[in-house]
Amino acid sequence: QVQLVESGGGLVQPGGSLRLSCVDSGSIFSSNVMAWYRQAPGKQREWVASVTKVGITNYADSVKGRFTIARDNPKNTVYLQMNSLKPDDTAVYYCAALKGAWYWGQGTQVTVSS
């Protein structure tokens, strides 16, 4: 059974940084795509960034140049480095893995506020 566990969320001031981690209890090497999504209060879940098995990355326009996604296959972990955070980045961030079907983590809260 696939289990994804996120960590690294918290409260940060505007302009600050956070790094989210997502550990796959199995092997992320078997994941064709690893991705981060987020859901702000009252809004639909939206895609943030993704990385393929061979390391090709893509980003939503709203985070391009500020966020970086990376995967560490030996550690079965995918990261989301978030810099220059804005209040609009406040959301629950979810890790997702495509292994035939999409699997989701439980989410970690990120709050950007002064």
Protein backbone atom coordinates (compact mmCIF):
# COMPACT_ATOMS: atom_id res chain seq x y z
CA GLN A 1 0.00 0.00 0.00
CA VAL A 2 1.28 3.43 -0.93
CA GLN A 3 1.66 5.87 1.94
CA LEU A 4 2.83 9.43 1.47
CA VAL A 5 3.69 11.53 4.51
CA GLU A 6 4.31 15.27 4.22
CA SER A 7 6.16 17.44 6.69
CA GLY A 8 7.75 20.88 6.91
CA GLY A 9 4.73 23.13 6.96
CA GLY A 10 4.26 25.96 9.41
CA LEU A 11 3.88 29.68 9.91
CA VAL A 12 6.25 31.98 8.07
CA GLN A 13 6.39 35.71 7.40
CA PRO A 14 5.98 37.11 3.89
CA GLY A 15 9.28 36.85 2.03
CA GLY A 16 10.35 33.85 4.07
CA SER A 17 11.13 30.29 3.05
CA LEU A 18 9.99 26.78 3.88
CA ARG A 19 10.95 23.36 2.62
CA LEU A 20 8.30 20.67 2.45
CA SER A 21 9.19 17.00 2.39
CA CYS A 22 7.17 13.99 1.29
CA VAL A 23 8.33 10.50 2.13
CA ASP A 24 6.94 7.56 0.19
CA SER A 25 6.69 4.41 2.27
CA GLY A 26 7.35 2.46 -0.87
CA SER A 27 9.70 3.54 -3.60
CA ILE A 28 9.30 6.82 -5.44
CA PHE A 29 11.37 5.31 -8.20
CA SER A 30 8.21 3.44 -9.16
CA SER A 31 6.36 6.75 -9.45
CA ASN A 32 6.19 8.14 -12.96
CA VAL A 33 5.37 11.57 -11.57
CA MET A 34 5.65 13.15 -8.14
CA ALA A 35 3.74 16.36 -7.58
CA TRP A 36 2.69 18.98 -5.09
CA TYR A 37 -0.80 20.44 -4.99
CA ARG A 38 -2.34 22.97 -2.63
CA GLN A 39 -5.78 23.96 -1.46
CA ALA A 40 -6.56 27.32 0.07
CA PRO A 41 -9.69 27.88 2.19
CA GLY A 42 -12.76 28.13 0.00
CA LYS A 43 -10.84 27.27 -3.17
CA GLN A 44 -10.33 24.20 -5.28
CA ARG A 45 -7.18 22.15 -5.04
CA GLU A 46 -4.61 23.37 -7.56
CA TRP A 47 -1.46 21.90 -9.02
CA VAL A 48 1.76 23.58 -7.90
CA ALA A 49 4.67 21.62 -9.33
CA SER A 50 5.66 18.19 -10.59
CA VAL A 51 8.76 16.17 -11.40
CA THR A 52 8.95 13.14 -13.67
CA LYS A 53 10.89 9.96 -13.12
CA VAL A 54 13.74 11.34 -15.22
CA GLY A 55 13.78 14.70 -13.43
CA ILE A 56 11.79 16.93 -15.75
CA THR A 57 10.11 19.64 -13.69
CA ASN A 58 7.11 21.85 -14.31
CA TYR A 59 5.62 24.68 -12.27
CA ALA A 60 2.42 26.64 -12.05
CA ASP A 61 2.91 30.21 -13.24
CA SER A 62 2.05 31.51 -9.78
CA VAL A 63 5.11 29.83 -8.22
CA LYS A 64 7.59 29.78 -11.09
CA GLY A 65 10.91 31.26 -10.05
CA ARG A 66 10.08 30.98 -6.34
CA PHE A 67 9.46 27.25 -5.76
CA THR A 68 11.70 24.32 -6.61
CA ILE A 69 10.64 20.67 -6.69
CA ALA A 70 13.22 17.93 -6.40
CA ARG A 71 13.20 14.19 -5.84
CA ASP A 72 15.74 12.05 -4.01
CA ASN A 73 15.12 8.52 -5.20
CA PRO A 74 17.44 6.73 -2.72
CA LYS A 75 15.61 8.47 0.14
CA ASN A 76 12.15 7.94 -1.42
CA THR A 77 11.54 11.62 -0.82
CA VAL A 78 10.32 14.57 -2.85
CA TYR A 79 10.89 18.14 -1.71
CA LEU A 80 9.31 21.49 -2.38
CA GLN A 81 11.59 24.42 -1.60
CA MET A 82 9.46 27.54 -1.28
CA ASN A 83 11.14 30.95 -1.30
CA SER A 84 9.80 34.51 -1.35
CA LEU A 85 6.55 33.30 0.15
CA LYS A 86 3.44 35.43 -0.16
CA PRO A 87 0.19 35.45 1.82
CA ASP A 88 -1.51 33.98 -1.29
CA ASP A 89 0.65 30.88 -0.83
CA THR A 90 -1.26 30.06 2.35
CA ALA A 91 -2.86 26.64 1.88
CA VAL A 92 -2.75 22.99 2.78
CA TYR A 93 -0.05 21.44 0.60
CA TYR A 94 -0.47 17.87 -0.61
CA CYS A 95 2.05 15.47 -2.04
CA ALA A 96 0.87 13.17 -4.84
CA ALA A 97 2.39 10.22 -6.64
CA LEU A 98 1.36 8.68 -9.94
CA LYS A 99 1.78 4.92 -9.81
CA GLY A 100 -0.82 3.73 -12.24
CA ALA A 101 -3.27 5.74 -10.16
CA TRP A 102 -2.79 8.90 -8.14
CA TYR A 103 -2.00 8.53 -4.46
CA TRP A 104 -2.19 11.40 -1.98
CA GLY A 105 -0.69 12.39 1.32
CA GLN A 106 -2.66 13.85 4.21
CA GLY A 107 -1.42 17.39 3.66
CA THR A 108 0.61 19.91 5.62
CA GLN A 109 -0.49 23.44 6.47
CA VAL A 110 1.51 26.42 5.23
CA THR A 111 0.53 29.84 6.55
CA VAL A 112 2.21 33.00 5.31
CA SER A 113 1.37 35.91 7.54
CA SER A 114 2.99 38.76 9.41
